[in-house]
């Protein structure tokens, strides 16, 4: 199974994002840096769990991380 889940078709991903956004909004007493580090650790654990349960391959995980890196750096390209 790839990291592109079939639940995208029924709105589940958007619903999940809404819930995550609501939760993150409650963490406003933490600095953005602290949130970024904590979320990185959490994402690392989620990706490791997907690999351990054979829900994706190492290459799919690498591509997911590359796509994330591209998205972040391209969006902020003019900020240097």
PDB file of N, CA and C in Angstrom:
ATOM      1  N   UNK A   1       0.847  -1.190   0.000  1.00  0.00           N
ATOM      2  CA  UNK A   1       0.000   0.000   0.000  1.00  0.00           C
ATOM      3  C   UNK A   1       0.881   1.238   0.000  1.00  0.00           C
ATOM      4  N   UNK A   2       0.515   2.212  -0.772  1.00  0.00           N
ATOM      5  CA  UNK A   2       1.315   3.436  -0.838  1.00  0.00           C
ATOM      6  C   UNK A   2       0.878   4.422   0.241  1.00  0.00           C
ATOM      7  N   UNK A   3       1.655   5.480   0.361  1.00  0.00           N
ATOM      8  CA  UNK A   3       1.309   6.524   1.328  1.00  0.00           C
ATOM      9  C   UNK A   3       0.163   7.393   0.831  1.00  0.00           C
ATOM     10  N   UNK A   4      -0.232   7.225  -0.418  1.00  0.00           N
ATOM     11  CA  UNK A   4      -1.413   7.908  -0.957  1.00  0.00           C
ATOM     12  C   UNK A   4      -2.601   7.003  -0.670  1.00  0.00           C
ATOM     13  N   UNK A   5      -3.281   7.246   0.417  1.00  0.00           N
ATOM     14  CA  UNK A   5      -4.354   6.383   0.895  1.00  0.00           C
ATOM     15  C   UNK A   5      -5.643   6.583   0.098  1.00  0.00           C
ATOM     16  N   UNK A   6      -6.373   5.503  -0.083  1.00  0.00           N
ATOM     17  CA  UNK A   6      -7.632   5.572  -0.824  1.00  0.00           C
ATOM     18  C   UNK A   6      -8.706   6.342  -0.075  1.00  0.00           C
ATOM     19  N   UNK A   7      -8.517   6.612   1.198  1.00  0.00           N
ATOM     20  CA  UNK A   7      -9.519   7.354   1.963  1.00  0.00           C
ATOM     21  C   UNK A   7      -9.624   8.795   1.509  1.00  0.00           C
ATOM     22  N   UNK A   8      -8.652   9.271   0.729  1.00  0.00           N
ATOM     23  CA  UNK A   8      -8.727  10.638   0.197  1.00  0.00           C
ATOM     24  C   UNK A   8     -10.016  10.840  -0.585  1.00  0.00           C
ATOM     25  N   UNK A   9     -10.515   9.791  -1.187  1.00  0.00           N
ATOM     26  CA  UNK A   9     -11.679   9.897  -2.048  1.00  0.00           C
ATOM     27  C   UNK A   9     -12.952  10.213  -1.265  1.00  0.00           C
ATOM     28  N   UNK A  10     -13.012   9.837  -0.011  1.00  0.00           N
ATOM     29  CA  UNK A  10     -14.252  10.044   0.737  1.00  0.00           C
ATOM     30  C   UNK A  10     -14.170  11.181   1.755  1.00  0.00           C
ATOM     31  N   UNK A  11     -13.116  11.983   1.679  1.00  0.00           N
ATOM     32  CA  UNK A  11     -13.004  13.143   2.558  1.00  0.00           C
ATOM     33  C   UNK A  11     -12.384  12.852   3.909  1.00  0.00           C
ATOM     34  N   UNK A  12     -11.968  11.631   4.153  1.00  0.00           N
ATOM     35  CA  UNK A  12     -11.417  11.278   5.454  1.00  0.00           C
ATOM     36  C   UNK A  12     -10.142  12.056   5.759  1.00  0.00           C
ATOM     37  N   UNK A  13      -9.294  12.239   4.769  1.00  0.00           N
ATOM     38  CA  UNK A  13      -8.052  12.972   5.002  1.00  0.00           C
ATOM     39  C   UNK A  13      -8.343  14.413   5.387  1.00  0.00           C
ATOM     40  N   UNK A  14      -9.270  15.047   4.690  1.00  0.00           N
ATOM     41  CA  UNK A  14      -9.627  16.427   5.022  1.00  0.00           C
ATOM     42  C   UNK A  14     -10.211  16.515   6.427  1.00  0.00           C
ATOM     43  N   UNK A  15     -11.034  15.569   6.783  1.00  0.00           N
ATOM     44  CA  UNK A  15     -11.621  15.529   8.130  1.00  0.00           C
ATOM     45  C   UNK A  15     -10.530  15.357   9.182  1.00  0.00           C
ATOM     46  N   UNK A  16      -9.579  14.476   8.897  1.00  0.00           N
ATOM     47  CA  UNK A  16      -8.465  14.256   9.823  1.00  0.00           C
ATOM     48  C   UNK A  16      -7.631  15.526   9.960  1.00  0.00           C
ATOM     49  N   UNK A  17      -7.351  16.188   8.845  1.00  0.00           N
ATOM     50  CA  UNK A  17      -6.604  17.448   8.888  1.00  0.00           C
ATOM     51  C   UNK A  17      -7.314  18.495   9.734  1.00  0.00           C
ATOM     52  N   UNK A  18      -8.635  18.577   9.598  1.00  0.00           N
ATOM     53  CA  UNK A  18      -9.407  19.520  10.416  1.00  0.00           C
ATOM     54  C   UNK A  18      -9.228  19.226  11.900  1.00  0.00           C
ATOM     55  N   UNK A  19      -9.280  17.960  12.269  1.00  0.00           N
ATOM     56  CA  UNK A  19      -9.112  17.595  13.678  1.00  0.00           C
ATOM     57  C   UNK A  19      -7.702  17.885  14.172  1.00  0.00           C
ATOM     58  N   UNK A  20      -6.706  17.591  13.340  1.00  0.00           N
ATOM     59  CA  UNK A  20      -5.319  17.890  13.715  1.00  0.00           C
ATOM     60  C   UNK A  20      -5.141  19.394  13.874  1.00  0.00           C
ATOM     61  N   UNK A  21      -5.668  20.166  12.935  1.00  0.00           N
ATOM     62  CA  UNK A  21      -5.572  21.632  13.026  1.00  0.00           C
ATOM     63  C   UNK A  21      -6.215  22.158  14.306  1.00  0.00           C
ATOM     64  N   UNK A  22      -7.362  21.617  14.653  1.00  0.00           N
ATOM     65  CA  UNK A  22      -8.036  22.035  15.888  1.00  0.00           C
ATOM     66  C   UNK A  22      -7.168  21.722  17.103  1.00  0.00           C
ATOM     67  N   UNK A  23      -6.563  20.547  17.110  1.00  0.00           N
ATOM     68  CA  UNK A  23      -5.712  20.164  18.232  1.00  0.00           C
ATOM     69  C   UNK A  23      -4.464  21.046  18.300  1.00  0.00           C
ATOM     70  N   UNK A  24      -3.807  21.244  17.165  1.00  0.00           N
ATOM     71  CA  UNK A  24      -2.593  22.059  17.151  1.00  0.00           C
ATOM     72  C   UNK A  24      -2.894  23.482  17.627  1.00  0.00           C
ATOM     73  N   UNK A  25      -4.060  23.985  17.326  1.00  0.00           N
ATOM     74  CA  UNK A  25      -4.439  25.326  17.779  1.00  0.00           C
ATOM     75  C   UNK A  25      -4.453  25.421  19.299  1.00  0.00           C
ATOM     76  N   UNK A  26      -4.659  24.304  19.987  1.00  0.00           N
ATOM     77  CA  UNK A  26      -4.656  24.319  21.451  1.00  0.00           C
ATOM     78  C   UNK A  26      -3.233  24.346  22.019  1.00  0.00           C
ATOM     79  N   UNK A  27      -2.238  24.197  21.166  1.00  0.00           N
ATOM     80  CA  UNK A  27      -0.843  24.148  21.610  1.00  0.00           C
ATOM     81  C   UNK A  27      -0.135  25.489  21.416  1.00  0.00           C
ATOM     82  N   UNK A  28      -0.898  26.561  21.374  1.00  0.00           N
ATOM     83  CA  UNK A  28      -0.327  27.874  21.081  1.00  0.00           C
ATOM     84  C   UNK A  28       0.606  28.393  22.169  1.00  0.00           C
ATOM     85  N   UNK A  29       0.656  27.735  23.306  1.00  0.00           N
ATOM     86  CA  UNK A  29       1.579  28.151  24.360  1.00  0.00           C
ATOM     87  C   UNK A  29       2.996  27.631  24.115  1.00  0.00           C
ATOM     88  N   UNK A  30       3.191  26.784  23.077  1.00  0.00           N
ATOM     89  CA  UNK A  30       4.516  26.311  22.685  1.00  0.00           C
ATOM     90  C   UNK A  30       5.022  27.157  21.522  1.00  0.00           C
ATOM     91  N   UNK A  31       6.326  27.300  21.446  1.00  0.00           N
ATOM     92  CA  UNK A  31       6.904  28.030  20.315  1.00  0.00           C
ATOM     93  C   UNK A  31       6.751  27.196  19.042  1.00  0.00           C
ATOM     94  N   UNK A  32       6.802  27.871  17.907  1.00  0.00           N
ATOM     95  CA  UNK A  32       6.709  27.172  16.625  1.00  0.00           C
ATOM     96  C   UNK A  32       7.847  26.169  16.463  1.00  0.00           C
ATOM     97  N   UNK A  33       9.021  26.519  16.959  1.00  0.00           N
ATOM     98  CA  UNK A  33      10.161  25.604  16.878  1.00  0.00           C
ATOM     99  C   UNK A  33       9.901  24.343  17.679  1.00  0.00           C
ATOM    100  N   UNK A  34       9.380  24.495  18.879  1.00  0.00           N
ATOM    101  CA  UNK A  34       9.067  23.336  19.711  1.00  0.00           C
ATOM    102  C   UNK A  34       8.025  22.456  19.034  1.00  0.00           C
ATOM    103  N   UNK A  35       6.997  23.067  18.472  1.00  0.00           N
ATOM    104  CA  UNK A  35       5.972  22.299  17.756  1.00  0.00           C
ATOM    105  C   UNK A  35       6.563  21.572  16.561  1.00  0.00           C
ATOM    106  N   UNK A  36       7.429  22.242  15.805  1.00  0.00           N
ATOM    107  CA  UNK A  36       8.038  21.612  14.637  1.00  0.00           C
ATOM    108  C   UNK A  36       8.873  20.401  15.026  1.00  0.00           C
ATOM    109  N   UNK A  37       9.661  20.524  16.081  1.00  0.00           N
ATOM    110  CA  UNK A  37      10.484  19.397  16.526  1.00  0.00           C
ATOM    111  C   UNK A  37       9.608  18.247  17.012  1.00  0.00           C
ATOM    112  N   UNK A  38       8.600  18.547  17.793  1.00  0.00           N
ATOM    113  CA  UNK A  38       7.707  17.507  18.303  1.00  0.00           C
ATOM    114  C   UNK A  38       6.963  16.816  17.161  1.00  0.00           C
ATOM    115  N   UNK A  39       6.524  17.587  16.182  1.00  0.00           N
ATOM    116  CA  UNK A  39       5.805  16.999  15.053  1.00  0.00           C
ATOM    117  C   UNK A  39       6.746  16.155  14.185  1.00  0.00           C
ATOM    118  N   UNK A  40       8.003  16.576  14.066  1.00  0.00           N
ATOM    119  CA  UNK A  40       8.980  15.780  13.326  1.00  0.00           C
ATOM    120  C   UNK A  40       9.191  14.423  13.985  1.00  0.00           C
ATOM    121  N   UNK A  41       9.317  14.429  15.300  1.00  0.00           N
ATOM    122  CA  UNK A  41       9.483  13.168  16.036  1.00  0.00           C
ATOM    123  C   UNK A  41       8.250  12.287  15.852  1.00  0.00           C
ATOM    124  N   UNK A  42       7.080  12.895  15.913  1.00  0.00           N
ATOM    125  CA  UNK A  42       5.841  12.140  15.747  1.00  0.00           C
ATOM    126  C   UNK A  42       5.737  11.567  14.327  1.00  0.00           C
ATOM    127  N   UNK A  43       6.072  12.358  13.320  1.00  0.00           N
ATOM    128  CA  UNK A  43       6.038  11.883  11.938  1.00  0.00           C
ATOM    129  C   UNK A  43       7.024  10.741  11.739  1.00  0.00           C
ATOM    130  N   UNK A  44       8.197  10.859  12.334  1.00  0.00           N
ATOM    131  CA  UNK A  44       9.189   9.788  12.254  1.00  0.00           C
ATOM    132  C   UNK A  44       8.600   8.476  12.794  1.00  0.00           C
ATOM    133  N   UNK A  45       7.933   8.549  13.926  1.00  0.00           N
ATOM    134  CA  UNK A  45       7.337   7.350  14.518  1.00  0.00           C
ATOM    135  C   UNK A  45       6.195   6.801  13.663  1.00  0.00           C
ATOM    136  N   UNK A  46       5.390   7.672  13.077  1.00  0.00           N
ATOM    137  CA  UNK A  46       4.311   7.218  12.197  1.00  0.00           C
ATOM    138  C   UNK A  46       4.857   6.505  10.961  1.00  0.00           C
ATOM    139  N   UNK A  47       5.878   7.104  10.344  1.00  0.00           N
ATOM    140  CA  UNK A  47       6.466   6.484   9.155  1.00  0.00           C
ATOM    141  C   UNK A  47       7.129   5.153   9.486  1.00  0.00           C
ATOM    142  N   UNK A  48       7.782   5.083  10.621  1.00  0.00           N
ATOM    143  CA  UNK A  48       8.403   3.825  11.050  1.00  0.00           C
ATOM    144  C   UNK A  48       7.330   2.751  11.270  1.00  0.00           C
ATOM    145  N   UNK A  49       6.210   3.135  11.863  1.00  0.00           N
ATOM    146  CA  UNK A  49       5.117   2.176  12.086  1.00  0.00           C
ATOM    147  C   UNK A  49       4.554   1.672  10.758  1.00  0.00           C
ATOM    148  N   UNK A  50       4.411   2.560   9.776  1.00  0.00           N
ATOM    149  CA  UNK A  50       3.938   2.139   8.456  1.00  0.00           C
ATOM    150  C   UNK A  50       4.894   1.118   7.842  1.00  0.00           C
ATOM    151  N   UNK A  51       6.191   1.374   7.968  1.00  0.00           N
ATOM    152  CA  UNK A  51       7.180   0.440   7.434  1.00  0.00           C
ATOM    153  C   UNK A  51       7.136  -0.904   8.167  1.00  0.00           C
ATOM    154  N   UNK A  52       7.091  -0.851   9.492  1.00  0.00           N
ATOM    155  CA  UNK A  52       7.089  -2.083  10.286  1.00  0.00           C
ATOM    156  C   UNK A  52       5.861  -2.943  10.020  1.00  0.00           C
ATOM    157  N   UNK A  53       4.759  -2.306   9.675  1.00  0.00           N
ATOM    158  CA  UNK A  53       3.517  -3.051   9.404  1.00  0.00           C
ATOM    159  C   UNK A  53       3.334  -3.348   7.913  1.00  0.00           C
ATOM    160  N   UNK A  54       4.391  -3.081   7.140  1.00  0.00           N
ATOM    161  CA  UNK A  54       4.365  -3.324   5.694  1.00  0.00           C
ATOM    162  C   UNK A  54       3.212  -2.607   4.992  1.00  0.00           C
ATOM    163  N   UNK A  55       2.888  -1.404   5.450  1.00  0.00           N
ATOM    164  CA  UNK A  55       1.846  -0.606   4.817  1.00  0.00           C
ATOM    165  C   UNK A  55       2.404   0.269   3.704  1.00  0.00           C
ATOM    166  N   UNK A  56       3.739   0.344   3.639  1.00  0.00           N
ATOM    167  CA  UNK A  56       4.410   1.031   2.543  1.00  0.00           C
ATOM    168  C   UNK A  56       5.834   0.494   2.466  1.00  0.00           C
ATOM    169  N   UNK A  57       6.498   0.817   1.376  1.00  0.00           N
ATOM    170  CA  UNK A  57       7.882   0.371   1.195  1.00  0.00           C
ATOM    171  C   UNK A  57       8.840   1.481   1.620  1.00  0.00           C
ATOM    172  N   UNK A  58      10.103   1.123   1.757  1.00  0.00           N
ATOM    173  CA  UNK A  58      11.120   2.126   2.074  1.00  0.00           C
ATOM    174  C   UNK A  58      11.178   3.185   0.975  1.00  0.00           C
ATOM    175  N   UNK A  59      11.062   2.755  -0.281  1.00  0.00           N
ATOM    176  CA  UNK A  59      11.110   3.712  -1.384  1.00  0.00           C
ATOM    177  C   UNK A  59       9.909   4.655  -1.346  1.00  0.00           C
ATOM    178  N   UNK A  60       8.745   4.158  -1.019  1.00  0.00           N
ATOM    179  CA  UNK A  60       7.570   5.027  -0.895  1.00  0.00           C
ATOM    180  C   UNK A  60       7.774   6.041   0.232  1.00  0.00           C
ATOM    181  N   UNK A  61       8.393   5.598   1.304  1.00  0.00           N
ATOM    182  CA  UNK A  61       8.675   6.493   2.419  1.00  0.00           C
ATOM    183  C   UNK A  61       9.683   7.555   2.004  1.00  0.00           C
ATOM    184  N   UNK A  62      10.734   7.138   1.296  1.00  0.00           N
ATOM    185  CA  UNK A  62      11.724   8.101   0.807  1.00  0.00           C
ATOM    186  C   UNK A  62      11.062   9.147  -0.098  1.00  0.00           C
ATOM    187  N   UNK A  63      10.207   8.698  -0.995  1.00  0.00           N
ATOM    188  CA  UNK A  63       9.541   9.632  -1.910  1.00  0.00           C
ATOM    189  C   UNK A  63       8.619  10.585  -1.146  1.00  0.00           C
ATOM    190  N   UNK A  64       7.937  10.085  -0.134  1.00  0.00           N
ATOM    191  CA  UNK A  64       7.081  10.922   0.704  1.00  0.00           C
ATOM    192  C   UNK A  64       7.914  12.030   1.359  1.00  0.00           C
ATOM    193  N   UNK A  65       9.052  11.668   1.914  1.00  0.00           N
ATOM    194  CA  UNK A  65       9.922  12.641   2.583  1.00  0.00           C
ATOM    195  C   UNK A  65      10.502  13.624   1.566  1.00  0.00           C
ATOM    196  N   UNK A  66      10.903  13.135   0.388  1.00  0.00           N
ATOM    197  CA  UNK A  66      11.409  14.032  -0.661  1.00  0.00           C
ATOM    198  C   UNK A  66      10.325  15.031  -1.081  1.00  0.00           C
ATOM    199  N   UNK A  67       9.099  14.548  -1.245  1.00  0.00           N
ATOM    200  CA  UNK A  67       7.995  15.429  -1.646  1.00  0.00           C
ATOM    201  C   UNK A  67       7.721  16.473  -0.564  1.00  0.00           C
ATOM    202  N   UNK A  68       7.791  16.071   0.688  1.00  0.00           N
ATOM    203  CA  UNK A  68       7.605  17.015   1.793  1.00  0.00           C
ATOM    204  C   UNK A  68       8.692  18.091   1.767  1.00  0.00           C
ATOM    205  N   UNK A  69       9.921  17.661   1.581  1.00  0.00           N
ATOM    206  CA  UNK A  69      11.044  18.593   1.524  1.00  0.00           C
ATOM    207  C   UNK A  69      10.868  19.574   0.365  1.00  0.00           C
ATOM    208  N   UNK A  70      10.506  19.055  -0.812  1.00  0.00           N
ATOM    209  CA  UNK A  70      10.289  19.927  -1.968  1.00  0.00           C
ATOM    210  C   UNK A  70       9.189  20.942  -1.689  1.00  0.00           C
ATOM    211  N   UNK A  71       8.092  20.479  -1.127  1.00  0.00           N
ATOM    212  CA  UNK A  71       6.956  21.366  -0.860  1.00  0.00           C
ATOM    213  C   UNK A  71       7.350  22.488   0.098  1.00  0.00           C
ATOM    214  N   UNK A  72       8.081  22.165   1.128  1.00  0.00           N
ATOM    215  CA  UNK A  72       8.478  23.173   2.118  1.00  0.00           C
ATOM    216  C   UNK A  72       9.478  24.146   1.522  1.00  0.00           C
ATOM    217  N   UNK A  73      10.488  23.637   0.835  1.00  0.00           N
ATOM    218  CA  UNK A  73      11.542  24.506   0.321  1.00  0.00           C
ATOM    219  C   UNK A  73      11.087  25.339  -0.857  1.00  0.00           C
ATOM    220  N   UNK A  74      10.240  24.794  -1.719  1.00  0.00           N
ATOM    221  CA  UNK A  74       9.731  25.568  -2.851  1.00  0.00           C
ATOM    222  C   UNK A  74       8.823  26.687  -2.385  1.00  0.00           C
ATOM    223  N   UNK A  75       8.002  26.422  -1.383  1.00  0.00           N
ATOM    224  CA  UNK A  75       7.085  27.444  -0.873  1.00  0.00           C
ATOM    225  C   UNK A  75       7.843  28.596  -0.247  1.00  0.00           C
ATOM    226  N   UNK A  76       8.985  28.305   0.360  1.00  0.00           N
ATOM    227  CA  UNK A  76       9.759  29.331   1.061  1.00  0.00           C
ATOM    228  C   UNK A  76      11.028  29.725   0.307  1.00  0.00           C
ATOM    229  N   UNK A  77      11.091  29.426  -0.981  1.00  0.00           N
ATOM    230  CA  UNK A  77      12.285  29.667  -1.779  1.00  0.00           C
ATOM    231  C   UNK A  77      12.728  31.131  -1.760  1.00  0.00           C
ATOM    232  N   UNK A  78      11.794  32.048  -1.777  1.00  0.00           N
ATOM    233  CA  UNK A  78      12.136  33.472  -1.799  1.00  0.00           C
ATOM    234  C   UNK A  78      12.506  34.050  -0.460  1.00  0.00           C
ATOM    235  N   UNK A  79      12.489  33.232   0.596  1.00  0.00           N
ATOM    236  CA  UNK A  79      12.740  33.732   1.950  1.00  0.00           C
ATOM    237  C   UNK A  79      14.225  33.821   2.306  1.00  0.00           C
ATOM    238  N   UNK A  80      15.120  33.327   1.444  1.00  0.00           N
ATOM    239  CA  UNK A  80      16.552  33.321   1.773  1.00  0.00           C
ATOM    240  C   UNK A  80      17.176  34.675   1.749  1.00  0.00           C
TER     241      UNK A  80
END
